[in-house]
PDB file of N, CA and C in Angstrom:
ATOM      1  N   MET A   1      57.498-129.661 -11.551  1.00  0.00           N
ATOM      2  CA  MET A   1      58.941-129.643 -11.491  1.00  0.00           C
ATOM      3  C   MET A   1      59.473-130.816 -12.320  1.00  0.00           C
ATOM      4  N   ASP A   2      60.443-130.547 -13.168  1.00  0.00           N
ATOM      5  CA  ASP A   2      61.048-131.568 -14.023  1.00  0.00           C
ATOM      6  C   ASP A   2      62.390-131.976 -13.429  1.00  0.00           C
ATOM      7  N   LEU A   3      62.488-133.218 -12.972  1.00  0.00           N
ATOM      8  CA  LEU A   3      63.722-133.705 -12.359  1.00  0.00           C
ATOM      9  C   LEU A   3      64.513-134.633 -13.276  1.00  0.00           C
ATOM     10  N   SER A   4      64.170-134.652 -14.540  1.00  0.00           N
ATOM     11  CA  SER A   4      64.893-135.522 -15.469  1.00  0.00           C
ATOM     12  C   SER A   4      66.247-134.897 -15.819  1.00  0.00           C
ATOM     13  N   TRP A   5      67.171-135.763 -16.257  1.00  0.00           N
ATOM     14  CA  TRP A   5      68.495-135.289 -16.646  1.00  0.00           C
ATOM     15  C   TRP A   5      68.394-134.477 -17.931  1.00  0.00           C
ATOM     16  N   SER A   6      69.236-133.472 -18.042  1.00  0.00           N
ATOM     17  CA  SER A   6      69.346-132.759 -19.318  1.00  0.00           C
ATOM     18  C   SER A   6      70.050-133.682 -20.315  1.00  0.00           C
ATOM     19  N   ALA A   7      70.006-133.321 -21.573  1.00  0.00           N
ATOM     20  CA  ALA A   7      70.692-134.123 -22.592  1.00  0.00           C
ATOM     21  C   ALA A   7      72.192-134.187 -22.308  1.00  0.00           C
ATOM     22  N   ALA A   8      72.767-133.062 -21.876  1.00  0.00           N
ATOM     23  CA  ALA A   8      74.201-133.030 -21.564  1.00  0.00           C
ATOM     24  C   ALA A   8      74.518-133.919 -20.366  1.00  0.00           C
ATOM     25  N   ASP A   9      73.661-133.894 -19.348  1.00  0.00           N
ATOM     26  CA  ASP A   9      73.889-134.740 -18.172  1.00  0.00           C
ATOM     27  C   ASP A   9      73.734-136.216 -18.515  1.00  0.00           C
ATOM     28  N   SER A  10      72.772-136.542 -19.350  1.00  0.00           N
ATOM     29  CA  SER A  10      72.605-137.930 -19.794  1.00  0.00           C
ATOM     30  C   SER A  10      73.823-138.395 -20.585  1.00  0.00           C
ATOM     31  N   ALA A  11      74.350-137.514 -21.423  1.00  0.00           N
ATOM     32  CA  ALA A  11      75.548-137.849 -22.196  1.00  0.00           C
ATOM     33  C   ALA A  11      76.742-138.050 -21.269  1.00  0.00           C
ATOM     34  N   PHE A  12      76.868-137.204 -20.242  1.00  0.00           N
ATOM     35  CA  PHE A  12      77.960-137.352 -19.280  1.00  0.00           C
ATOM     36  C   PHE A  12      77.810-138.663 -18.514  1.00  0.00           C
ATOM     37  N   ARG A  13      76.598-138.990 -18.093  1.00  0.00           N
ATOM     38  CA  ARG A  13      76.348-140.253 -17.390  1.00  0.00           C
ATOM     39  C   ARG A  13      76.777-141.436 -18.261  1.00  0.00           C
ATOM     40  N   ASP A  14      76.433-141.394 -19.531  1.00  0.00           N
ATOM     41  CA  ASP A  14      76.826-142.463 -20.451  1.00  0.00           C
ATOM     42  C   ASP A  14      78.341-142.519 -20.613  1.00  0.00           C
ATOM     43  N   GLU A  15      78.968-141.352 -20.678  1.00  0.00           N
ATOM     44  CA  GLU A  15      80.427-141.283 -20.792  1.00  0.00           C
ATOM     45  C   GLU A  15      81.092-141.913 -19.569  1.00  0.00           C
ATOM     46  N   VAL A  16      80.590-141.595 -18.385  1.00  0.00           N
ATOM     47  CA  VAL A  16      81.146-142.163 -17.154  1.00  0.00           C
ATOM     48  C   VAL A  16      80.950-143.674 -17.142  1.00  0.00           C
ATOM     49  N   ARG A  17      79.778-144.131 -17.492  1.00  0.00           N
ATOM     50  CA  ARG A  17      79.510-145.578 -17.515  1.00  0.00           C
ATOM     51  C   ARG A  17      80.428-146.299 -18.498  1.00  0.00           C
ATOM     52  N   GLU A  18      80.617-145.728 -19.672  1.00  0.00           N
ATOM     53  CA  GLU A  18      81.501-146.334 -20.670  1.00  0.00           C
ATOM     54  C   GLU A  18      82.943-146.352 -20.180  1.00  0.00           C
ATOM     55  N   PHE A  19      83.367-145.272 -19.559  1.00  0.00           N
ATOM     56  CA  PHE A  19      84.713-145.199 -19.006  1.00  0.00           C
ATOM     57  C   PHE A  19      84.920-146.279 -17.948  1.00  0.00           C
ATOM     58  N   LEU A  20      83.977-146.407 -17.027  1.00  0.00           N
ATOM     59  CA  LEU A  20      84.105-147.414 -15.974  1.00  0.00           C
ATOM     60  C   LEU A  20      84.090-148.827 -16.549  1.00  0.00           C
ATOM     61  N   ALA A  21      83.243-149.073 -17.522  1.00  0.00           N
ATOM     62  CA  ALA A  21      83.181-150.398 -18.139  1.00  0.00           C
ATOM     63  C   ALA A  21      84.501-150.751 -18.825  1.00  0.00           C
ATOM     64  N   ALA A  22      85.149-149.754 -19.405  1.00  0.00           N
ATOM     65  CA  ALA A  22      86.398-149.990 -20.122  1.00  0.00           C
ATOM     66  C   ALA A  22      87.614-150.052 -19.206  1.00  0.00           C
ATOM     67  N   GLU A  23      87.622-149.264 -18.142  1.00  0.00           N
ATOM     68  CA  GLU A  23      88.834-149.089 -17.341  1.00  0.00           C
ATOM     69  C   GLU A  23      88.832-149.771 -15.976  1.00  0.00           C
ATOM     70  N   LEU A  24      87.675-149.994 -15.421  1.00  0.00           N
ATOM     71  CA  LEU A  24      87.608-150.573 -14.078  1.00  0.00           C
ATOM     72  C   LEU A  24      87.627-152.093 -14.200  1.00  0.00           C
ATOM     73  N   THR A  25      88.821-152.639 -14.168  1.00  0.00           N
ATOM     74  CA  THR A  25      89.021-154.077 -14.361  1.00  0.00           C
ATOM     75  C   THR A  25      88.431-154.866 -13.194  1.00  0.00           C
ATOM     76  N   PRO A  26      88.193-156.157 -13.386  1.00  0.00           N
ATOM     77  CA  PRO A  26      87.716-156.985 -12.269  1.00  0.00           C
ATOM     78  C   PRO A  26      88.660-156.944 -11.064  1.00  0.00           C
ATOM     79  N   GLU A  27      89.961-156.863 -11.327  1.00  0.00           N
ATOM     80  CA  GLU A  27      90.933-156.790 -10.228  1.00  0.00           C
ATOM     81  C   GLU A  27      90.775-155.494  -9.430  1.00  0.00           C
ATOM     82  N   LEU A  28      90.582-154.383 -10.140  1.00  0.00           N
ATOM     83  CA  LEU A  28      90.382-153.110  -9.449  1.00  0.00           C
ATOM     84  C   LEU A  28      89.042-153.090  -8.721  1.00  0.00           C
ATOM     85  N   GLN A  29      88.020-153.687  -9.307  1.00  0.00           N
ATOM     86  CA  GLN A  29      86.725-153.778  -8.630  1.00  0.00           C
ATOM     87  C   GLN A  29      86.860-154.564  -7.333  1.00  0.00           C
ATOM     88  N   ARG A  30      87.567-155.682  -7.395  1.00  0.00           N
ATOM     89  CA  ARG A  30      87.770-156.510  -6.203  1.00  0.00           C
ATOM     90  C   ARG A  30      88.547-155.734  -5.139  1.00  0.00           C
ATOM     91  N   ALA A  31      89.615-155.068  -5.549  1.00  0.00           N
ATOM     92  CA  ALA A  31      90.406-154.280  -4.601  1.00  0.00           C
ATOM     93  C   ALA A  31      89.548-153.193  -3.966  1.00  0.00           C
ATOM     94  N   GLY A  32      88.690-152.570  -4.744  1.00  0.00           N
ATOM     95  CA  GLY A  32      87.807-151.532  -4.210  1.00  0.00           C
ATOM     96  C   GLY A  32      86.835-152.070  -3.182  1.00  0.00           C
ATOM     97  N   ARG A  33      86.316-153.269  -3.432  1.00  0.00           N
ATOM     98  CA  ARG A  33      85.382-153.871  -2.467  1.00  0.00           C
ATOM     99  C   ARG A  33      86.082-154.247  -1.169  1.00  0.00           C
ATOM    100  N   LEU A  34      87.363-154.599  -1.250  1.00  0.00           N
ATOM    101  CA  LEU A  34      88.102-155.029  -0.068  1.00  0.00           C
ATOM    102  C   LEU A  34      88.688-153.870   0.730  1.00  0.00           C
ATOM    103  N   MET A  35      88.734-152.683   0.142  1.00  0.00           N
ATOM    104  CA  MET A  35      89.348-151.532   0.813  1.00  0.00           C
ATOM    105  C   MET A  35      88.500-151.042   1.970  1.00  0.00           C
ATOM    106  N   THR A  36      89.175-150.812   3.073  1.00  0.00           N
ATOM    107  CA  THR A  36      88.514-150.197   4.220  1.00  0.00           C
ATOM    108  C   THR A  36      88.900-148.730   4.335  1.00  0.00           C
ATOM    109  N   SER A  37      89.909-148.319   3.575  1.00  0.00           N
ATOM    110  CA  SER A  37      90.318-146.916   3.507  1.00  0.00           C
ATOM    111  C   SER A  37      91.037-146.712   2.184  1.00  0.00           C
ATOM    112  N   VAL A  38      91.364-145.495   1.866  1.00  0.00           N
ATOM    113  CA  VAL A  38      92.047-145.228   0.601  1.00  0.00           C
ATOM    114  C   VAL A  38      93.461-145.793   0.587  1.00  0.00           C
ATOM    115  N   TYR A  39      93.971-146.203   1.730  1.00  0.00           N
ATOM    116  CA  TYR A  39      95.339-146.696   1.817  1.00  0.00           C
ATOM    117  C   TYR A  39      95.420-148.218   1.943  1.00  0.00           C
ATOM    118  N   SER A  40      94.318-148.929   1.825  1.00  0.00           N
ATOM    119  CA  SER A  40      94.316-150.367   2.055  1.00  0.00           C
ATOM    120  C   SER A  40      95.162-151.132   1.046  1.00  0.00           C
ATOM    121  N   ASP A  41      95.055-150.822  -0.213  1.00  0.00           N
ATOM    122  CA  ASP A  41      95.829-151.498  -1.251  1.00  0.00           C
ATOM    123  C   ASP A  41      96.494-150.412  -2.082  1.00  0.00           C
ATOM    124  N   HIS A  42      97.708-150.078  -1.691  1.00  0.00           N
ATOM    125  CA  HIS A  42      98.403-148.947  -2.298  1.00  0.00           C
ATOM    126  C   HIS A  42      98.544-149.114  -3.810  1.00  0.00           C
ATOM    127  N   GLU A  43      98.963-150.291  -4.261  1.00  0.00           N
ATOM    128  CA  GLU A  43      99.189-150.484  -5.696  1.00  0.00           C
ATOM    129  C   GLU A  43      97.898-150.339  -6.501  1.00  0.00           C
ATOM    130  N   ALA A  44      96.818-150.931  -6.025  1.00  0.00           N
ATOM    131  CA  ALA A  44      95.533-150.799  -6.728  1.00  0.00           C
ATOM    132  C   ALA A  44      95.070-149.347  -6.730  1.00  0.00           C
ATOM    133  N   SER A  45      95.260-148.667  -5.610  1.00  0.00           N
ATOM    134  CA  SER A  45      94.864-147.264  -5.524  1.00  0.00           C
ATOM    135  C   SER A  45      95.669-146.413  -6.504  1.00  0.00           C
ATOM    136  N   MET A  46      96.970-146.655  -6.569  1.00  0.00           N
ATOM    137  CA  MET A  46      97.816-145.897  -7.494  1.00  0.00           C
ATOM    138  C   MET A  46      97.454-146.203  -8.946  1.00  0.00           C
ATOM    139  N   GLN A  47      97.168-147.468  -9.241  1.00  0.00           N
ATOM    140  CA  GLN A  47      96.771-147.836 -10.601  1.00  0.00           C
ATOM    141  C   GLN A  47      95.496-147.097 -11.003  1.00  0.00           C
ATOM    142  N   TRP A  48      94.511-147.089 -10.111  1.00  0.00           N
ATOM    143  CA  TRP A  48      93.248-146.411 -10.415  1.00  0.00           C
ATOM    144  C   TRP A  48      93.452-144.905 -10.546  1.00  0.00           C
ATOM    145  N   GLN A  49      94.278-144.319  -9.698  1.00  0.00           N
ATOM    146  CA  GLN A  49      94.539-142.886  -9.790  1.00  0.00           C
ATOM    147  C   GLN A  49      95.233-142.533 -11.097  1.00  0.00           C
ATOM    148  N   ARG A  50      96.131-143.400 -11.571  1.00  0.00           N
ATOM    149  CA  ARG A  50      96.773-143.155 -12.869  1.00  0.00           C
ATOM    150  C   ARG A  50      95.738-143.178 -13.995  1.00  0.00           C
ATOM    151  N   ILE A  51      94.797-144.114 -13.919  1.00  0.00           N
ATOM    152  CA  ILE A  51      93.739-144.195 -14.933  1.00  0.00           C
ATOM    153  C   ILE A  51      92.887-142.927 -14.904  1.00  0.00           C
ATOM    154  N   LEU A  52      92.479-142.513 -13.704  1.00  0.00           N
ATOM    155  CA  LEU A  52      91.686-141.287 -13.581  1.00  0.00           C
ATOM    156  C   LEU A  52      92.468-140.075 -14.075  1.00  0.00           C
ATOM    157  N   HIS A  53      93.745-140.011 -13.721  1.00  0.00           N
ATOM    158  CA  HIS A  53      94.584-138.892 -14.149  1.00  0.00           C
ATOM    159  C   HIS A  53      94.666-138.833 -15.675  1.00  0.00           C
ATOM    160  N   GLY A  54      94.814-139.986 -16.307  1.00  0.00           N
ATOM    161  CA  GLY A  54      94.883-140.031 -17.763  1.00  0.00           C
ATOM    162  C   GLY A  54      93.634-139.476 -18.429  1.00  0.00           C
ATOM    163  N   ARG A  55      92.525-139.595 -17.747  1.00  0.00           N
ATOM    164  CA  ARG A  55      91.247-139.085 -18.263  1.00  0.00           C
ATOM    165  C   ARG A  55      91.022-137.626 -17.850  1.00  0.00           C
ATOM    166  N   GLY A  56      91.841-137.133 -16.913  1.00  0.00           N
ATOM    167  CA  GLY A  56      91.649-135.783 -16.401  1.00  0.00           C
ATOM    168  C   GLY A  56      90.643-135.721 -15.272  1.00  0.00           C
ATOM    169  N   TRP A  57      90.360-136.878 -14.655  1.00  0.00           N
ATOM    170  CA  TRP A  57      89.335-136.974 -13.620  1.00  0.00           C
ATOM    171  C   TRP A  57      89.910-137.308 -12.244  1.00  0.00           C
ATOM    172  N   ALA A  58      91.196-137.115 -12.029  1.00  0.00           N
ATOM    173  CA  ALA A  58      91.815-137.512 -10.763  1.00  0.00           C
ATOM    174  C   ALA A  58      91.408-136.619  -9.597  1.00  0.00           C
ATOM    175  N   ALA A  59      91.101-135.378  -9.860  1.00  0.00           N
ATOM    176  CA  ALA A  59      90.783-134.440  -8.777  1.00  0.00           C
ATOM    177  C   ALA A  59      89.553-133.619  -9.149  1.00  0.00           C
ATOM    178  N   PRO A  60      88.385-134.245  -9.246  1.00  0.00           N
ATOM    179  CA  PRO A  60      87.206-133.537  -9.749  1.00  0.00           C
ATOM    180  C   PRO A  60      86.755-132.356  -8.901  1.00  0.00           C
ATOM    181  N   ALA A  61      87.053-132.354  -7.630  1.00  0.00           N
ATOM    182  CA  ALA A  61      86.593-131.266  -6.765  1.00  0.00           C
ATOM    183  C   ALA A  61      87.564-130.084  -6.738  1.00  0.00           C
ATOM    184  N   TRP A  62      88.730-130.247  -7.295  1.00  0.00           N
ATOM    185  CA  TRP A  62      89.716-129.169  -7.288  1.00  0.00           C
ATOM    186  C   TRP A  62      89.349-128.090  -8.308  1.00  0.00           C
ATOM    187  N   PRO A  63      89.816-126.863  -8.077  1.00  0.00           N
ATOM    188  CA  PRO A  63      89.633-125.814  -9.083  1.00  0.00           C
ATOM    189  C   PRO A  63      90.364-126.189 -10.377  1.00  0.00           C
ATOM    190  N   VAL A  64      89.853-125.737 -11.491  1.00  0.00           N
ATOM    191  CA  VAL A  64      90.432-126.071 -12.793  1.00  0.00           C
ATOM    192  C   VAL A  64      91.901-125.678 -12.870  1.00  0.00           C
ATOM    193  N   GLN A  65      92.254-124.537 -12.338  1.00  0.00           N
ATOM    194  CA  GLN A  65      93.639-124.071 -12.444  1.00  0.00           C
ATOM    195  C   GLN A  65      94.621-124.981 -11.714  1.00  0.00           C
ATOM    196  N   TYR A  66      94.124-125.889 -10.865  1.00  0.00           N
ATOM    197  CA  TYR A  66      94.977-126.844 -10.158  1.00  0.00           C
ATOM    198  C   TYR A  66      94.744-128.275 -10.636  1.00  0.00           C
ATOM    199  N   GLY A  67      94.100-128.433 -11.783  1.00  0.00           N
ATOM    200  CA  GLY A  67      93.893-129.756 -12.346  1.00  0.00           C
ATOM    201  C   GLY A  67      92.508-130.333 -12.164  1.00  0.00           C
ATOM    202  N   GLY A  68      91.572-129.541 -11.676  1.00  0.00           N
ATOM    203  CA  GLY A  68      90.203-130.009 -11.471  1.00  0.00           C
ATOM    204  C   GLY A  68      89.431-130.130 -12.773  1.00  0.00           C
ATOM    205  N   CYS A  69      88.210-130.596 -12.665  1.00  0.00           N
ATOM    206  CA  CYS A  69      87.401-130.927 -13.850  1.00  0.00           C
ATOM    207  C   CYS A  69      86.443-129.838 -14.301  1.00  0.00           C
ATOM    208  N   ASP A  70      86.140-128.884 -13.479  1.00  0.00           N
ATOM    209  CA  ASP A  70      85.138-127.860 -13.794  1.00  0.00           C
ATOM    210  C   ASP A  70      83.766-128.480 -14.047  1.00  0.00           C
ATOM    211  N   TRP A  71      83.430-129.497 -13.242  1.00  0.00           N
ATOM    212  CA  TRP A  71      82.137-130.157 -13.368  1.00  0.00           C
ATOM    213  C   TRP A  71      81.064-129.381 -12.631  1.00  0.00           C
ATOM    214  N   SER A  72      79.849-129.518 -13.109  1.00  0.00           N
ATOM    215  CA  SER A  72      78.694-128.962 -12.407  1.00  0.00           C
ATOM    216  C   SER A  72      78.391-129.845 -11.195  1.00  0.00           C
ATOM    217  N   LEU A  73      77.523-129.371 -10.324  1.00  0.00           N
ATOM    218  CA  LEU A  73      77.110-130.199  -9.183  1.00  0.00           C
ATOM    219  C   LEU A  73      76.443-131.486  -9.657  1.00  0.00           C
ATOM    220  N   THR A  74      75.696-131.392 -10.726  1.00  0.00           N
ATOM    221  CA  THR A  74      75.035-132.578 -11.274  1.00  0.00           C
ATOM    222  C   THR A  74      76.062-133.586 -11.775  1.00  0.00           C
ATOM    223  N   GLN A  75      77.094-133.117 -12.440  1.00  0.00           N
ATOM    224  CA  GLN A  75      78.139-134.022 -12.918  1.00  0.00           C
ATOM    225  C   GLN A  75      78.872-134.679 -11.750  1.00  0.00           C
ATOM    226  N   HIS A  76      79.139-133.922 -10.699  1.00  0.00           N
ATOM    227  CA  HIS A  76      79.751-134.515  -9.497  1.00  0.00           C
ATOM    228  C   HIS A  76      78.857-135.621  -8.947  1.00  0.00           C
ATOM    229  N   TYR A  77      77.577-135.357  -8.891  1.00  0.00           N
ATOM    230  CA  TYR A  77      76.624-136.347  -8.388  1.00  0.00           C
ATOM    231  C   TYR A  77      76.638-137.598  -9.268  1.00  0.00           C
ATOM    232  N   ILE A  78      76.561-137.412 -10.564  1.00  0.00           N
ATOM    233  CA  ILE A  78      76.557-138.539 -11.496  1.00  0.00           C
ATOM    234  C   ILE A  78      77.824-139.371 -11.327  1.00  0.00           C
ATOM    235  N   PHE A  79      78.973-138.713 -11.269  1.00  0.00           N
ATOM    236  CA  PHE A  79      80.242-139.431 -11.136  1.00  0.00           C
ATOM    237  C   PHE A  79      80.316-140.188  -9.818  1.00  0.00           C
ATOM    238  N   SER A  80      79.863-139.570  -8.747  1.00  0.00           N
ATOM    239  CA  SER A  80      79.955-140.219  -7.432  1.00  0.00           C
ATOM    240  C   SER A  80      78.998-141.393  -7.293  1.00  0.00           C
ATOM    241  N   ARG A  81      77.952-141.441  -8.106  1.00  0.00           N
ATOM    242  CA  ARG A  81      76.966-142.524  -8.022  1.00  0.00           C
ATOM    243  C   ARG A  81      77.168-143.601  -9.080  1.00  0.00           C
ATOM    244  N   ALA A  82      78.156-143.402  -9.942  1.00  0.00           N
ATOM    245  CA  ALA A  82      78.370-144.370 -11.039  1.00  0.00           C
ATOM    246  C   ALA A  82      78.939-145.681 -10.527  1.00  0.00           C
TER     247      ALA A  82
END
């Protein structure tokens, strides 16, 4: 059994890592570590959601027709573990 990433999945993983490195500021990282729920720091949460929305990644689990990403299960896994 081959459990290695496909070339497309590896490229997506790299894309997610590059996106996070560019967009997830130290301030947002700190706010994320301090959050006990999605509502802990409203401004930081809204800022991050705007960034995700700009990339088209704000609602990855939603159907495409409602703004979702049309990601595979593997892409969902990669994004959630990044």
